[in-house]
């Protein structure tokens, strides 16, 4: 988890590959985050308690090593980090 950057993730083996799930959000609204790791397959959990000012926007996604887009957990962390930076710093265009 990198709550200050605005993302959390889970990384787990899936057959002969790995799968990462992620959530990107505005870190200002985070009240708490809890990770429950289990040795039992499919029993690990992430809980993020958000309390936004007026509205809530979040982005969820996944990465899979067999897709060729992520080679490992560090690649998945980088994808989430970059996406969180984009979400928190949107491109603003002013036309005159």
PDB file of N, CA and C in Angstrom:
ATOM      1  N   UNK A   1       0.841  -1.183   0.000  1.00  0.00           N
ATOM      2  CA  UNK A   1       0.000   0.000   0.000  1.00  0.00           C
ATOM      3  C   UNK A   1       0.882   1.242   0.000  1.00  0.00           C
ATOM      4  N   UNK A   2       0.468   2.237  -0.736  1.00  0.00           N
ATOM      5  CA  UNK A   2       1.077   3.553  -0.653  1.00  0.00           C
ATOM      6  C   UNK A   2      -0.073   4.553  -0.545  1.00  0.00           C
ATOM      7  N   UNK A   3      -0.593   4.680   0.652  1.00  0.00           N
ATOM      8  CA  UNK A   3      -1.771   5.511   0.897  1.00  0.00           C
ATOM      9  C   UNK A   3      -1.492   6.964   0.542  1.00  0.00           C
ATOM     10  N   UNK A   4      -0.317   7.461   0.895  1.00  0.00           N
ATOM     11  CA  UNK A   4      -0.001   8.866   0.601  1.00  0.00           C
ATOM     12  C   UNK A   4       0.028   9.138  -0.894  1.00  0.00           C
ATOM     13  N   UNK A   5       0.415   8.148  -1.689  1.00  0.00           N
ATOM     14  CA  UNK A   5       0.422   8.308  -3.146  1.00  0.00           C
ATOM     15  C   UNK A   5      -0.957   8.065  -3.744  1.00  0.00           C
ATOM     16  N   UNK A   6      -1.850   7.386  -3.000  1.00  0.00           N
ATOM     17  CA  UNK A   6      -3.206   7.170  -3.479  1.00  0.00           C
ATOM     18  C   UNK A   6      -3.447   5.838  -4.170  1.00  0.00           C
ATOM     19  N   UNK A   7      -2.787   4.761  -3.701  1.00  0.00           N
ATOM     20  CA  UNK A   7      -3.060   3.455  -4.291  1.00  0.00           C
ATOM     21  C   UNK A   7      -2.803   2.319  -3.308  1.00  0.00           C
ATOM     22  N   UNK A   8      -3.512   1.228  -3.543  1.00  0.00           N
ATOM     23  CA  UNK A   8      -3.282  -0.035  -2.829  1.00  0.00           C
ATOM     24  C   UNK A   8      -3.310  -1.147  -3.864  1.00  0.00           C
ATOM     25  N   UNK A   9      -2.673  -2.262  -3.543  1.00  0.00           N
ATOM     26  CA  UNK A   9      -2.676  -3.374  -4.483  1.00  0.00           C
ATOM     27  C   UNK A   9      -2.547  -4.696  -3.748  1.00  0.00           C
ATOM     28  N   UNK A  10      -2.894  -5.731  -4.479  1.00  0.00           N
ATOM     29  CA  UNK A  10      -2.716  -7.099  -4.030  1.00  0.00           C
ATOM     30  C   UNK A  10      -2.018  -7.837  -5.164  1.00  0.00           C
ATOM     31  N   UNK A  11      -1.128  -8.732  -4.832  1.00  0.00           N
ATOM     32  CA  UNK A  11      -0.369  -9.493  -5.830  1.00  0.00           C
ATOM     33  C   UNK A  11      -0.404 -10.951  -5.412  1.00  0.00           C
ATOM     34  N   UNK A  12      -0.813 -11.836  -6.315  1.00  0.00           N
ATOM     35  CA  UNK A  12      -0.959 -13.231  -5.928  1.00  0.00           C
ATOM     36  C   UNK A  12      -0.647 -14.173  -7.087  1.00  0.00           C
ATOM     37  N   UNK A  13      -0.215 -15.401  -6.760  1.00  0.00           N
ATOM     38  CA  UNK A  13       0.001 -16.391  -7.818  1.00  0.00           C
ATOM     39  C   UNK A  13      -1.332 -16.845  -8.388  1.00  0.00           C
ATOM     40  N   UNK A  14      -1.327 -17.117  -9.692  1.00  0.00           N
ATOM     41  CA  UNK A  14      -2.512 -17.640 -10.364  1.00  0.00           C
ATOM     42  C   UNK A  14      -2.037 -18.668 -11.380  1.00  0.00           C
ATOM     43  N   UNK A  15      -2.241 -19.932 -11.060  1.00  0.00           N
ATOM     44  CA  UNK A  15      -1.750 -21.040 -11.866  1.00  0.00           C
ATOM     45  C   UNK A  15      -0.243 -20.884 -12.068  1.00  0.00           C
ATOM     46  N   UNK A  16       0.246 -20.679 -13.292  1.00  0.00           N
ATOM     47  CA  UNK A  16       1.685 -20.543 -13.531  1.00  0.00           C
ATOM     48  C   UNK A  16       2.101 -19.094 -13.772  1.00  0.00           C
ATOM     49  N   UNK A  17       1.314 -18.150 -13.286  1.00  0.00           N
ATOM     50  CA  UNK A  17       1.611 -16.733 -13.485  1.00  0.00           C
ATOM     51  C   UNK A  17       1.241 -15.970 -12.211  1.00  0.00           C
ATOM     52  N   UNK A  18       1.179 -14.647 -12.323  1.00  0.00           N
ATOM     53  CA  UNK A  18       0.792 -13.809 -11.190  1.00  0.00           C
ATOM     54  C   UNK A  18      -0.239 -12.790 -11.640  1.00  0.00           C
ATOM     55  N   UNK A  19      -1.100 -12.413 -10.709  1.00  0.00           N
ATOM     56  CA  UNK A  19      -2.168 -11.458 -10.961  1.00  0.00           C
ATOM     57  C   UNK A  19      -2.107 -10.376  -9.891  1.00  0.00           C
ATOM     58  N   UNK A  20      -2.219  -9.113 -10.324  1.00  0.00           N
ATOM     59  CA  UNK A  20      -2.267  -7.999  -9.395  1.00  0.00           C
ATOM     60  C   UNK A  20      -3.571  -7.248  -9.558  1.00  0.00           C
ATOM     61  N   UNK A  21      -4.192  -6.924  -8.436  1.00  0.00           N
ATOM     62  CA  UNK A  21      -5.380  -6.080  -8.441  1.00  0.00           C
ATOM     63  C   UNK A  21      -4.985  -4.761  -7.792  1.00  0.00           C
ATOM     64  N   UNK A  22      -5.589  -3.662  -8.232  1.00  0.00           N
ATOM     65  CA  UNK A  22      -5.223  -2.375  -7.675  1.00  0.00           C
ATOM     66  C   UNK A  22      -6.381  -1.412  -7.598  1.00  0.00           C
ATOM     67  N   UNK A  23      -6.253  -0.453  -6.703  1.00  0.00           N
ATOM     68  CA  UNK A  23      -7.247   0.589  -6.499  1.00  0.00           C
ATOM     69  C   UNK A  23      -6.505   1.915  -6.381  1.00  0.00           C
ATOM     70  N   UNK A  24      -6.932   2.898  -7.183  1.00  0.00           N
ATOM     71  CA  UNK A  24      -6.325   4.238  -7.174  1.00  0.00           C
ATOM     72  C   UNK A  24      -7.407   5.215  -6.730  1.00  0.00           C
ATOM     73  N   UNK A  25      -7.048   6.160  -5.844  1.00  0.00           N
ATOM     74  CA  UNK A  25      -8.020   7.068  -5.247  1.00  0.00           C
ATOM     75  C   UNK A  25      -7.327   8.335  -4.776  1.00  0.00           C
ATOM     76  N   UNK A  26      -8.118   9.313  -4.370  1.00  0.00           N
ATOM     77  CA  UNK A  26      -7.579  10.537  -3.789  1.00  0.00           C
ATOM     78  C   UNK A  26      -7.175  10.236  -2.347  1.00  0.00           C
ATOM     79  N   UNK A  27      -5.900  10.396  -1.987  1.00  0.00           N
ATOM     80  CA  UNK A  27      -5.458  10.038  -0.647  1.00  0.00           C
ATOM     81  C   UNK A  27      -6.020  10.948   0.449  1.00  0.00           C
ATOM     82  N   UNK A  28      -6.528  12.119   0.092  1.00  0.00           N
ATOM     83  CA  UNK A  28      -7.055  13.040   1.105  1.00  0.00           C
ATOM     84  C   UNK A  28      -8.262  12.474   1.837  1.00  0.00           C
ATOM     85  N   UNK A  29      -8.998  11.579   1.207  1.00  0.00           N
ATOM     86  CA  UNK A  29     -10.205  11.047   1.816  1.00  0.00           C
ATOM     87  C   UNK A  29     -10.017   9.752   2.586  1.00  0.00           C
ATOM     88  N   UNK A  30      -8.790   9.257   2.689  1.00  0.00           N
ATOM     89  CA  UNK A  30      -8.548   7.969   3.346  1.00  0.00           C
ATOM     90  C   UNK A  30      -8.558   8.138   4.871  1.00  0.00           C
ATOM     91  N   UNK A  31      -9.396   7.351   5.512  1.00  0.00           N
ATOM     92  CA  UNK A  31      -9.450   7.347   6.975  1.00  0.00           C
ATOM     93  C   UNK A  31      -8.643   6.200   7.554  1.00  0.00           C
ATOM     94  N   UNK A  32      -8.608   5.072   6.857  1.00  0.00           N
ATOM     95  CA  UNK A  32      -7.856   3.913   7.337  1.00  0.00           C
ATOM     96  C   UNK A  32      -7.707   2.919   6.192  1.00  0.00           C
ATOM     97  N   UNK A  33      -6.732   2.048   6.311  1.00  0.00           N
ATOM     98  CA  UNK A  33      -6.535   0.973   5.337  1.00  0.00           C
ATOM     99  C   UNK A  33      -6.028  -0.245   6.097  1.00  0.00           C
ATOM    100  N   UNK A  34      -6.614  -1.384   5.791  1.00  0.00           N
ATOM    101  CA  UNK A  34      -6.307  -2.616   6.511  1.00  0.00           C
ATOM    102  C   UNK A  34      -6.006  -3.710   5.495  1.00  0.00           C
ATOM    103  N   UNK A  35      -4.955  -4.471   5.762  1.00  0.00           N
ATOM    104  CA  UNK A  35      -4.600  -5.614   4.923  1.00  0.00           C
ATOM    105  C   UNK A  35      -4.737  -6.872   5.765  1.00  0.00           C
ATOM    106  N   UNK A  36      -5.439  -7.846   5.228  1.00  0.00           N
ATOM    107  CA  UNK A  36      -5.535  -9.165   5.866  1.00  0.00           C
ATOM    108  C   UNK A  36      -4.910 -10.161   4.899  1.00  0.00           C
ATOM    109  N   UNK A  37      -3.735 -10.683   5.256  1.00  0.00           N
ATOM    110  CA  UNK A  37      -3.060 -11.669   4.409  1.00  0.00           C
ATOM    111  C   UNK A  37      -3.328 -13.057   4.954  1.00  0.00           C
ATOM    112  N   UNK A  38      -3.690 -13.969   4.067  1.00  0.00           N
ATOM    113  CA  UNK A  38      -3.994 -15.333   4.462  1.00  0.00           C
ATOM    114  C   UNK A  38      -3.174 -16.301   3.621  1.00  0.00           C
ATOM    115  N   UNK A  39      -2.783 -17.384   4.222  1.00  0.00           N
ATOM    116  CA  UNK A  39      -2.097 -18.455   3.493  1.00  0.00           C
ATOM    117  C   UNK A  39      -3.099 -19.271   2.676  1.00  0.00           C
ATOM    118  N   UNK A  40      -4.378 -19.129   2.993  1.00  0.00           N
ATOM    119  CA  UNK A  40      -5.432 -19.851   2.282  1.00  0.00           C
ATOM    120  C   UNK A  40      -5.742 -19.104   0.983  1.00  0.00           C
ATOM    121  N   UNK A  41      -5.739 -19.825  -0.139  1.00  0.00           N
ATOM    122  CA  UNK A  41      -5.981 -19.201  -1.445  1.00  0.00           C
ATOM    123  C   UNK A  41      -7.315 -18.459  -1.457  1.00  0.00           C
ATOM    124  N   UNK A  42      -7.293 -17.259  -2.041  1.00  0.00           N
ATOM    125  CA  UNK A  42      -8.473 -16.409  -2.221  1.00  0.00           C
ATOM    126  C   UNK A  42      -9.068 -15.890  -0.912  1.00  0.00           C
ATOM    127  N   UNK A  43      -8.299 -15.877   0.159  1.00  0.00           N
ATOM    128  CA  UNK A  43      -8.824 -15.391   1.444  1.00  0.00           C
ATOM    129  C   UNK A  43      -8.143 -14.111   1.923  1.00  0.00           C
ATOM    130  N   UNK A  44      -7.159 -13.593   1.201  1.00  0.00           N
ATOM    131  CA  UNK A  44      -6.538 -12.318   1.563  1.00  0.00           C
ATOM    132  C   UNK A  44      -7.466 -11.180   1.161  1.00  0.00           C
ATOM    133  N   UNK A  45      -7.442 -10.091   1.929  1.00  0.00           N
ATOM    134  CA  UNK A  45      -8.358  -8.988   1.680  1.00  0.00           C
ATOM    135  C   UNK A  45      -7.692  -7.643   1.929  1.00  0.00           C
ATOM    136  N   UNK A  46      -8.156  -6.631   1.191  1.00  0.00           N
ATOM    137  CA  UNK A  46      -7.768  -5.237   1.404  1.00  0.00           C
ATOM    138  C   UNK A  46      -9.035  -4.460   1.734  1.00  0.00           C
ATOM    139  N   UNK A  47      -8.942  -3.584   2.718  1.00  0.00           N
ATOM    140  CA  UNK A  47     -10.073  -2.726   3.057  1.00  0.00           C
ATOM    141  C   UNK A  47      -9.560  -1.303   3.154  1.00  0.00           C
ATOM    142  N   UNK A  48     -10.143  -0.408   2.371  1.00  0.00           N
ATOM    143  CA  UNK A  48      -9.776   1.003   2.410  1.00  0.00           C
ATOM    144  C   UNK A  48     -11.025   1.779   2.813  1.00  0.00           C
ATOM    145  N   UNK A  49     -10.943   2.491   3.917  1.00  0.00           N
ATOM    146  CA  UNK A  49     -12.066   3.301   4.382  1.00  0.00           C
ATOM    147  C   UNK A  49     -11.855   4.727   3.897  1.00  0.00           C
ATOM    148  N   UNK A  50     -12.750   5.178   3.028  1.00  0.00           N
ATOM    149  CA  UNK A  50     -12.663   6.499   2.430  1.00  0.00           C
ATOM    150  C   UNK A  50     -13.800   7.376   2.940  1.00  0.00           C
ATOM    151  N   UNK A  51     -13.482   8.621   3.200  1.00  0.00           N
ATOM    152  CA  UNK A  51     -14.489   9.604   3.596  1.00  0.00           C
ATOM    153  C   UNK A  51     -14.248  10.869   2.770  1.00  0.00           C
ATOM    154  N   UNK A  52     -14.817  10.900   1.570  1.00  0.00           N
ATOM    155  CA  UNK A  52     -14.571  12.043   0.684  1.00  0.00           C
ATOM    156  C   UNK A  52     -15.326  13.287   1.144  1.00  0.00           C
ATOM    157  N   UNK A  53     -14.858  14.448   0.667  1.00  0.00           N
ATOM    158  CA  UNK A  53     -15.518  15.714   1.001  1.00  0.00           C
ATOM    159  C   UNK A  53     -16.920  15.783   0.411  1.00  0.00           C
ATOM    160  N   UNK A  54     -17.045  15.561  -0.893  1.00  0.00           N
ATOM    161  CA  UNK A  54     -18.367  15.693  -1.517  1.00  0.00           C
ATOM    162  C   UNK A  54     -18.687  14.540  -2.467  1.00  0.00           C
ATOM    163  N   UNK A  55     -17.708  14.023  -3.156  1.00  0.00           N
ATOM    164  CA  UNK A  55     -17.951  12.907  -4.067  1.00  0.00           C
ATOM    165  C   UNK A  55     -16.769  11.946  -4.001  1.00  0.00           C
ATOM    166  N   UNK A  56     -16.992  10.759  -4.487  1.00  0.00           N
ATOM    167  CA  UNK A  56     -15.960   9.724  -4.447  1.00  0.00           C
ATOM    168  C   UNK A  56     -15.686   9.233  -5.863  1.00  0.00           C
ATOM    169  N   UNK A  57     -14.426   9.291  -6.255  1.00  0.00           N
ATOM    170  CA  UNK A  57     -13.999   8.732  -7.529  1.00  0.00           C
ATOM    171  C   UNK A  57     -12.827   7.811  -7.234  1.00  0.00           C
ATOM    172  N   UNK A  58     -12.896   6.620  -7.765  1.00  0.00           N
ATOM    173  CA  UNK A  58     -11.784   5.685  -7.627  1.00  0.00           C
ATOM    174  C   UNK A  58     -11.664   4.873  -8.916  1.00  0.00           C
ATOM    175  N   UNK A  59     -10.514   4.278  -9.099  1.00  0.00           N
ATOM    176  CA  UNK A  59     -10.230   3.498 -10.292  1.00  0.00           C
ATOM    177  C   UNK A  59      -9.728   2.132  -9.845  1.00  0.00           C
ATOM    178  N   UNK A  60     -10.295   1.090 -10.405  1.00  0.00           N
ATOM    179  CA  UNK A  60      -9.893  -0.274 -10.081  1.00  0.00           C
ATOM    180  C   UNK A  60      -9.393  -0.953 -11.349  1.00  0.00           C
ATOM    181  N   UNK A  61      -8.402  -1.809 -11.193  1.00  0.00           N
ATOM    182  CA  UNK A  61      -7.889  -2.514 -12.352  1.00  0.00           C
ATOM    183  C   UNK A  61      -7.039  -3.702 -11.947  1.00  0.00           C
ATOM    184  N   UNK A  62      -6.507  -4.377 -12.955  1.00  0.00           N
ATOM    185  CA  UNK A  62      -5.666  -5.532 -12.671  1.00  0.00           C
ATOM    186  C   UNK A  62      -4.546  -5.627 -13.690  1.00  0.00           C
ATOM    187  N   UNK A  63      -3.491  -6.303 -13.296  1.00  0.00           N
ATOM    188  CA  UNK A  63      -2.377  -6.613 -14.176  1.00  0.00           C
ATOM    189  C   UNK A  63      -2.070  -8.096 -14.068  1.00  0.00           C
ATOM    190  N   UNK A  64      -1.682  -8.692 -15.159  1.00  0.00           N
ATOM    191  CA  UNK A  64      -1.440 -10.134 -15.217  1.00  0.00           C
ATOM    192  C   UNK A  64      -0.131 -10.367 -15.948  1.00  0.00           C
ATOM    193  N   UNK A  65       0.739 -11.164 -15.383  1.00  0.00           N
ATOM    194  CA  UNK A  65       2.053 -11.374 -16.001  1.00  0.00           C
ATOM    195  C   UNK A  65       1.944 -12.021 -17.382  1.00  0.00           C
ATOM    196  N   UNK A  66       0.931 -12.801 -17.622  1.00  0.00           N
ATOM    197  CA  UNK A  66       0.766 -13.440 -18.930  1.00  0.00           C
ATOM    198  C   UNK A  66       0.325 -12.463 -20.021  1.00  0.00           C
ATOM    199  N   UNK A  67      -0.121 -11.276 -19.638  1.00  0.00           N
ATOM    200  CA  UNK A  67      -0.563 -10.284 -20.629  1.00  0.00           C
ATOM    201  C   UNK A  67       0.608  -9.627 -21.345  1.00  0.00           C
ATOM    202  N   UNK A  68       1.791  -9.665 -20.705  1.00  0.00           N
ATOM    203  CA  UNK A  68       2.949  -9.000 -21.276  1.00  0.00           C
ATOM    204  C   UNK A  68       3.062  -7.533 -20.879  1.00  0.00           C
ATOM    205  N   UNK A  69       2.087  -7.008 -20.149  1.00  0.00           N
ATOM    206  CA  UNK A  69       2.118  -5.600 -19.735  1.00  0.00           C
ATOM    207  C   UNK A  69       2.860  -5.397 -18.423  1.00  0.00           C
ATOM    208  N   UNK A  70       2.889  -6.397 -17.581  1.00  0.00           N
ATOM    209  CA  UNK A  70       3.648  -6.338 -16.334  1.00  0.00           C
ATOM    210  C   UNK A  70       4.454  -7.622 -16.205  1.00  0.00           C
ATOM    211  N   UNK A  71       5.715  -7.462 -15.827  1.00  0.00           N
ATOM    212  CA  UNK A  71       6.584  -8.634 -15.689  1.00  0.00           C
ATOM    213  C   UNK A  71       6.617  -9.146 -14.258  1.00  0.00           C
ATOM    214  N   UNK A  72       6.232  -8.278 -13.314  1.00  0.00           N
ATOM    215  CA  UNK A  72       6.284  -8.668 -11.909  1.00  0.00           C
ATOM    216  C   UNK A  72       5.651  -7.613 -11.035  1.00  0.00           C
ATOM    217  N   UNK A  73       5.754  -7.835  -9.749  1.00  0.00           N
ATOM    218  CA  UNK A  73       5.090  -6.950  -8.788  1.00  0.00           C
ATOM    219  C   UNK A  73       5.643  -5.525  -8.833  1.00  0.00           C
ATOM    220  N   UNK A  74       6.935  -5.357  -9.086  1.00  0.00           N
ATOM    221  CA  UNK A  74       7.495  -3.997  -9.148  1.00  0.00           C
ATOM    222  C   UNK A  74       6.936  -3.232 -10.350  1.00  0.00           C
ATOM    223  N   UNK A  75       6.711  -3.927 -11.464  1.00  0.00           N
ATOM    224  CA  UNK A  75       6.071  -3.284 -12.627  1.00  0.00           C
ATOM    225  C   UNK A  75       4.645  -2.859 -12.277  1.00  0.00           C
ATOM    226  N   UNK A  76       3.923  -3.712 -11.570  1.00  0.00           N
ATOM    227  CA  UNK A  76       2.540  -3.402 -11.187  1.00  0.00           C
ATOM    228  C   UNK A  76       2.507  -2.199 -10.242  1.00  0.00           C
ATOM    229  N   UNK A  77       3.445  -2.148  -9.299  1.00  0.00           N
ATOM    230  CA  UNK A  77       3.532  -0.987  -8.401  1.00  0.00           C
ATOM    231  C   UNK A  77       3.786   0.292  -9.192  1.00  0.00           C
ATOM    232  N   UNK A  78       4.640   0.211 -10.202  1.00  0.00           N
ATOM    233  CA  UNK A  78       4.946   1.375 -11.032  1.00  0.00           C
ATOM    234  C   UNK A  78       3.721   1.838 -11.826  1.00  0.00           C
ATOM    235  N   UNK A  79       2.958   0.891 -12.368  1.00  0.00           N
ATOM    236  CA  UNK A  79       1.728   1.230 -13.100  1.00  0.00           C
ATOM    237  C   UNK A  79       0.764   1.975 -12.173  1.00  0.00           C
ATOM    238  N   UNK A  80       0.570   1.457 -10.973  1.00  0.00           N
ATOM    239  CA  UNK A  80      -0.348   2.093 -10.025  1.00  0.00           C
ATOM    240  C   UNK A  80       0.158   3.466  -9.596  1.00  0.00           C
ATOM    241  N   UNK A  81       1.447   3.569  -9.361  1.00  0.00           N
ATOM    242  CA  UNK A  81       2.040   4.863  -8.979  1.00  0.00           C
ATOM    243  C   UNK A  81       1.824   5.921 -10.054  1.00  0.00           C
ATOM    244  N   UNK A  82       2.086   5.551 -11.302  1.00  0.00           N
ATOM    245  CA  UNK A  82       1.907   6.492 -12.407  1.00  0.00           C
ATOM    246  C   UNK A  82       0.443   6.887 -12.565  1.00  0.00           C
ATOM    247  N   UNK A  83      -0.458   5.907 -12.446  1.00  0.00           N
ATOM    248  CA  UNK A  83      -1.877   6.211 -12.589  1.00  0.00           C
ATOM    249  C   UNK A  83      -2.356   7.123 -11.459  1.00  0.00           C
ATOM    250  N   UNK A  84      -1.891   6.880 -10.255  1.00  0.00           N
ATOM    251  CA  UNK A  84      -2.269   7.743  -9.126  1.00  0.00           C
ATOM    252  C   UNK A  84      -1.782   9.171  -9.352  1.00  0.00           C
ATOM    253  N   UNK A  85      -0.579   9.321  -9.901  1.00  0.00           N
ATOM    254  CA  UNK A  85      -0.043  10.650 -10.188  1.00  0.00           C
ATOM    255  C   UNK A  85      -0.891  11.352 -11.256  1.00  0.00           C
ATOM    256  N   UNK A  86      -1.306  10.617 -12.270  1.00  0.00           N
ATOM    257  CA  UNK A  86      -2.146  11.183 -13.331  1.00  0.00           C
ATOM    258  C   UNK A  86      -3.492  11.626 -12.763  1.00  0.00           C
ATOM    259  N   UNK A  87      -4.092  10.789 -11.944  1.00  0.00           N
ATOM    260  CA  UNK A  87      -5.406  11.099 -11.359  1.00  0.00           C
ATOM    261  C   UNK A  87      -5.326  12.343 -10.469  1.00  0.00           C
ATOM    262  N   UNK A  88      -4.264  12.469  -9.700  1.00  0.00           N
ATOM    263  CA  UNK A  88      -4.133  13.586  -8.776  1.00  0.00           C
ATOM    264  C   UNK A  88      -3.635  14.866  -9.439  1.00  0.00           C
ATOM    265  N   UNK A  89      -3.122  14.748 -10.646  1.00  0.00           N
ATOM    266  CA  UNK A  89      -2.609  15.904 -11.375  1.00  0.00           C
ATOM    267  C   UNK A  89      -3.165  15.898 -12.796  1.00  0.00           C
ATOM    268  N   UNK A  90      -4.467  16.098 -12.941  1.00  0.00           N
ATOM    269  CA  UNK A  90      -5.072  16.008 -14.275  1.00  0.00           C
ATOM    270  C   UNK A  90      -4.551  17.100 -15.207  1.00  0.00           C
ATOM    271  N   UNK A  91      -4.539  16.773 -16.476  1.00  0.00           N
ATOM    272  CA  UNK A  91      -4.143  17.735 -17.491  1.00  0.00           C
ATOM    273  C   UNK A  91      -5.221  18.807 -17.604  1.00  0.00           C
ATOM    274  N   UNK A  92      -4.839  20.046 -17.472  1.00  0.00           N
ATOM    275  CA  UNK A  92      -5.761  21.166 -17.603  1.00  0.00           C
ATOM    276  C   UNK A  92      -5.379  21.967 -18.838  1.00  0.00           C
ATOM    277  N   UNK A  93      -6.351  22.210 -19.700  1.00  0.00           N
ATOM    278  CA  UNK A  93      -6.117  22.958 -20.944  1.00  0.00           C
ATOM    279  C   UNK A  93      -7.008  24.185 -20.918  1.00  0.00           C
ATOM    280  N   UNK A  94      -6.415  25.336 -21.187  1.00  0.00           N
ATOM    281  CA  UNK A  94      -7.174  26.584 -21.267  1.00  0.00           C
ATOM    282  C   UNK A  94      -7.092  27.102 -22.698  1.00  0.00           C
ATOM    283  N   UNK A  95      -8.237  27.329 -23.292  1.00  0.00           N
ATOM    284  CA  UNK A  95      -8.294  27.876 -24.647  1.00  0.00           C
ATOM    285  C   UNK A  95      -8.626  29.360 -24.579  1.00  0.00           C
ATOM    286  N   UNK A  96      -7.902  30.138 -25.379  1.00  0.00           N
ATOM    287  CA  UNK A  96      -8.157  31.566 -25.409  1.00  0.00           C
ATOM    288  C   UNK A  96      -8.490  31.983 -26.811  1.00  0.00           C
TER     289      UNK A  96
END
